[in-house]
Amino acid sequence: MLLIYLTDGKTHTSLPEKTNQPTEIGKLFYQYEIITVEGQTNLDSGAGIFVELTDPSDENNYYFWHNDPSVYLLQTKSDLFFNRTTMMVERKDCNKSLS
C-alpha cells in the first residue's frame, strides 16, 4: 500500500494493482475512407488506422491510442490531377503562387 501525507494534512492511499501483459496485436492496417458530402464523393477523403486483437474476456484491459504531434508529407502528382468540373485528368501547375 502507498500512503501519501500532504503538507495541508490531507492523506491519499493507493492499493497495488496487477498489470496484465500487453495484448498481442494480430493485425495493424490502414484503409482509405471515402466520404460523401452533399452528394459529391471526395476520392481523397483520408485513411483510417485499424488494429485487430483478441481481448481476453477474463481480464480488465484498457486501450489507449495516442498520436504525438507529427509532420506529414503530402506529395502531389500534378500529372494526375482530376478536374471534378470537366471530369477529366488534366495537368496542373502545383507550384503556382496562390496570391
C-alpha atoms as a PDB file:
ATOM      1  CA  MET A   1       0.000   0.000   0.000  1.00  0.00           C
ATOM      2  CA  LEU A   2       1.193   3.501  -0.822  1.00  0.00           C
ATOM      3  CA  LEU A   3       0.337   6.196   1.720  1.00  0.00           C
ATOM      4  CA  ILE A   4       0.943   9.883   0.925  1.00  0.00           C
ATOM      5  CA  TYR A   5       0.796  12.664   3.542  1.00  0.00           C
ATOM      6  CA  LEU A   6       0.436  16.212   2.190  1.00  0.00           C
ATOM      7  CA  THR A   7       1.592  19.340   3.992  1.00  0.00           C
ATOM      8  CA  ASP A   8      -2.008  20.557   4.272  1.00  0.00           C
ATOM      9  CA  GLY A   9      -2.867  17.459   6.360  1.00  0.00           C
ATOM     10  CA  LYS A  10      -4.629  15.504   3.628  1.00  0.00           C
ATOM     11  CA  THR A  11      -3.687  11.881   3.051  1.00  0.00           C
ATOM     12  CA  HIS A  12      -4.020   9.696  -0.022  1.00  0.00           C
ATOM     13  CA  THR A  13      -3.734   5.922  -0.230  1.00  0.00           C
ATOM     14  CA  SER A  14      -3.279   3.624  -3.171  1.00  0.00           C
ATOM     15  CA  LEU A  15      -3.531  -0.139  -3.199  1.00  0.00           C
ATOM     16  CA  PRO A  16      -1.342  -2.216  -5.506  1.00  0.00           C
ATOM     17  CA  GLU A  17      -2.862  -3.317  -8.806  1.00  0.00           C
ATOM     18  CA  LYS A  18      -1.821  -6.123 -11.092  1.00  0.00           C
ATOM     19  CA  THR A  19      -0.631  -5.002 -14.514  1.00  0.00           C
ATOM     20  CA  ASN A  20      -1.506  -7.512 -17.213  1.00  0.00           C
ATOM     21  CA  GLN A  21       0.788  -8.445 -20.054  1.00  0.00           C
ATOM     22  CA  PRO A  22       0.122  -6.376 -23.198  1.00  0.00           C
ATOM     23  CA  THR A  23      -2.432  -7.892 -25.537  1.00  0.00           C
ATOM     24  CA  GLU A  24      -0.772  -9.101 -28.716  1.00  0.00           C
ATOM     25  CA  ILE A  25      -1.659  -7.194 -31.883  1.00  0.00           C
ATOM     26  CA  GLY A  26      -2.951  -9.592 -34.517  1.00  0.00           C
ATOM     27  CA  LYS A  27      -3.149  -7.124 -37.385  1.00  0.00           C
ATOM     28  CA  LEU A  28      -2.396  -3.432 -37.873  1.00  0.00           C
ATOM     29  CA  PHE A  29      -3.558  -1.845 -41.113  1.00  0.00           C
ATOM     30  CA  TYR A  30      -4.913   1.280 -42.761  1.00  0.00           C
ATOM     31  CA  GLN A  31      -7.833   1.671 -45.091  1.00  0.00           C
ATOM     32  CA  TYR A  32      -8.840   4.531 -47.349  1.00  0.00           C
ATOM     33  CA  GLU A  33     -12.048   6.199 -46.275  1.00  0.00           C
ATOM     34  CA  ILE A  34     -14.228   7.850 -48.885  1.00  0.00           C
ATOM     35  CA  ILE A  35     -16.635  10.438 -47.543  1.00  0.00           C
ATOM     36  CA  THR A  36     -19.636  11.750 -49.464  1.00  0.00           C
ATOM     37  CA  VAL A  37     -20.588  15.383 -48.782  1.00  0.00           C
ATOM     38  CA  GLU A  38     -23.668  16.911 -50.376  1.00  0.00           C
ATOM     39  CA  GLY A  39     -23.776  14.159 -52.991  1.00  0.00           C
ATOM     40  CA  GLN A  40     -20.128  14.666 -54.032  1.00  0.00           C
ATOM     41  CA  THR A  41     -17.661  11.850 -53.382  1.00  0.00           C
ATOM     42  CA  ASN A  42     -14.280  13.032 -52.187  1.00  0.00           C
ATOM     43  CA  LEU A  43     -11.835  10.416 -53.519  1.00  0.00           C
ATOM     44  CA  ASP A  44      -9.035  11.720 -51.263  1.00  0.00           C
ATOM     45  CA  SER A  45     -11.033  11.786 -48.033  1.00  0.00           C
ATOM     46  CA  GLY A  46      -8.410  10.198 -45.812  1.00  0.00           C
ATOM     47  CA  ALA A  47      -7.372   6.971 -44.192  1.00  0.00           C
ATOM     48  CA  GLY A  48      -8.435   5.062 -41.118  1.00  0.00           C
ATOM     49  CA  ILE A  49      -5.964   3.163 -38.948  1.00  0.00           C
ATOM     50  CA  PHE A  50      -7.217  -0.116 -37.503  1.00  0.00           C
ATOM     51  CA  VAL A  51      -5.922  -2.679 -35.013  1.00  0.00           C
ATOM     52  CA  GLU A  52      -7.220  -6.223 -34.677  1.00  0.00           C
ATOM     53  CA  LEU A  53      -6.532  -8.070 -31.437  1.00  0.00           C
ATOM     54  CA  THR A  54      -8.061 -10.685 -29.191  1.00  0.00           C
ATOM     55  CA  ASP A  55      -9.183  -9.172 -25.908  1.00  0.00           C
ATOM     56  CA  PRO A  56      -9.160 -11.813 -23.159  1.00  0.00           C
ATOM     57  CA  SER A  57     -12.640 -11.833 -21.590  1.00  0.00           C
ATOM     58  CA  ASP A  58     -11.314 -12.813 -18.145  1.00  0.00           C
ATOM     59  CA  GLU A  59      -9.151  -9.654 -17.861  1.00  0.00           C
ATOM     60  CA  ASN A  60      -9.948  -5.963 -17.500  1.00  0.00           C
ATOM     61  CA  ASN A  61      -7.819  -4.405 -20.218  1.00  0.00           C
ATOM     62  CA  TYR A  62      -7.681  -0.751 -21.138  1.00  0.00           C
ATOM     63  CA  TYR A  63      -6.541   0.523 -24.533  1.00  0.00           C
ATOM     64  CA  PHE A  64      -5.206   3.961 -25.271  1.00  0.00           C
ATOM     65  CA  TRP A  65      -4.366   5.473 -28.661  1.00  0.00           C
ATOM     66  CA  HIS A  66      -2.042   8.446 -28.585  1.00  0.00           C
ATOM     67  CA  ASN A  67      -0.848  10.348 -31.629  1.00  0.00           C
ATOM     68  CA  ASP A  68       2.154  12.559 -30.934  1.00  0.00           C
ATOM     69  CA  PRO A  69       2.473  15.816 -32.844  1.00  0.00           C
ATOM     70  CA  SER A  70       3.698  14.737 -36.242  1.00  0.00           C
ATOM     71  CA  VAL A  71       4.907  16.078 -39.528  1.00  0.00           C
ATOM     72  CA  TYR A  72       3.038  14.700 -42.511  1.00  0.00           C
ATOM     73  CA  LEU A  73       4.416  14.891 -46.034  1.00  0.00           C
ATOM     74  CA  LEU A  74       1.942  15.424 -48.843  1.00  0.00           C
ATOM     75  CA  GLN A  75       3.358  14.580 -52.231  1.00  0.00           C
ATOM     76  CA  THR A  76       1.302  15.742 -55.170  1.00  0.00           C
ATOM     77  CA  LYS A  77       1.354  14.416 -58.683  1.00  0.00           C
ATOM     78  CA  SER A  78       0.354  17.265 -60.942  1.00  0.00           C
ATOM     79  CA  ASP A  79       0.108  14.926 -63.917  1.00  0.00           C
ATOM     80  CA  LEU A  80      -2.669  13.013 -62.120  1.00  0.00           C
ATOM     81  CA  PHE A  81      -4.884  16.000 -61.232  1.00  0.00           C
ATOM     82  CA  PHE A  82      -8.565  15.163 -61.662  1.00  0.00           C
ATOM     83  CA  ASN A  83     -10.735  18.148 -62.559  1.00  0.00           C
ATOM     84  CA  ARG A  84     -14.133  17.486 -60.972  1.00  0.00           C
ATOM     85  CA  THR A  85     -15.829  20.074 -63.193  1.00  0.00           C
ATOM     86  CA  THR A  86     -14.758  18.582 -66.534  1.00  0.00           C
ATOM     87  CA  MET A  87     -14.407  15.047 -65.091  1.00  0.00           C
ATOM     88  CA  MET A  88     -11.058  14.756 -66.901  1.00  0.00           C
ATOM     89  CA  VAL A  89      -7.457  14.126 -65.866  1.00  0.00           C
ATOM     90  CA  GLU A  90      -5.514  17.330 -66.523  1.00  0.00           C
ATOM     91  CA  ARG A  91      -2.063  18.726 -65.993  1.00  0.00           C
ATOM     92  CA  LYS A  92      -1.962  21.320 -63.207  1.00  0.00           C
ATOM     93  CA  ASP A  93       0.838  23.646 -62.122  1.00  0.00           C
ATOM     94  CA  CYS A  94       1.088  22.824 -58.404  1.00  0.00           C
ATOM     95  CA  ASN A  95       3.989  25.236 -57.912  1.00  0.00           C
ATOM     96  CA  LYS A  96       1.928  28.268 -58.904  1.00  0.00           C
ATOM     97  CA  SER A  97       1.571  31.001 -56.252  1.00  0.00           C
ATOM     98  CA  LEU A  98      -1.916  31.412 -54.783  1.00  0.00           C
ATOM     99  CA  SER A  99      -1.615  35.216 -54.495  1.00  0.00           C
END
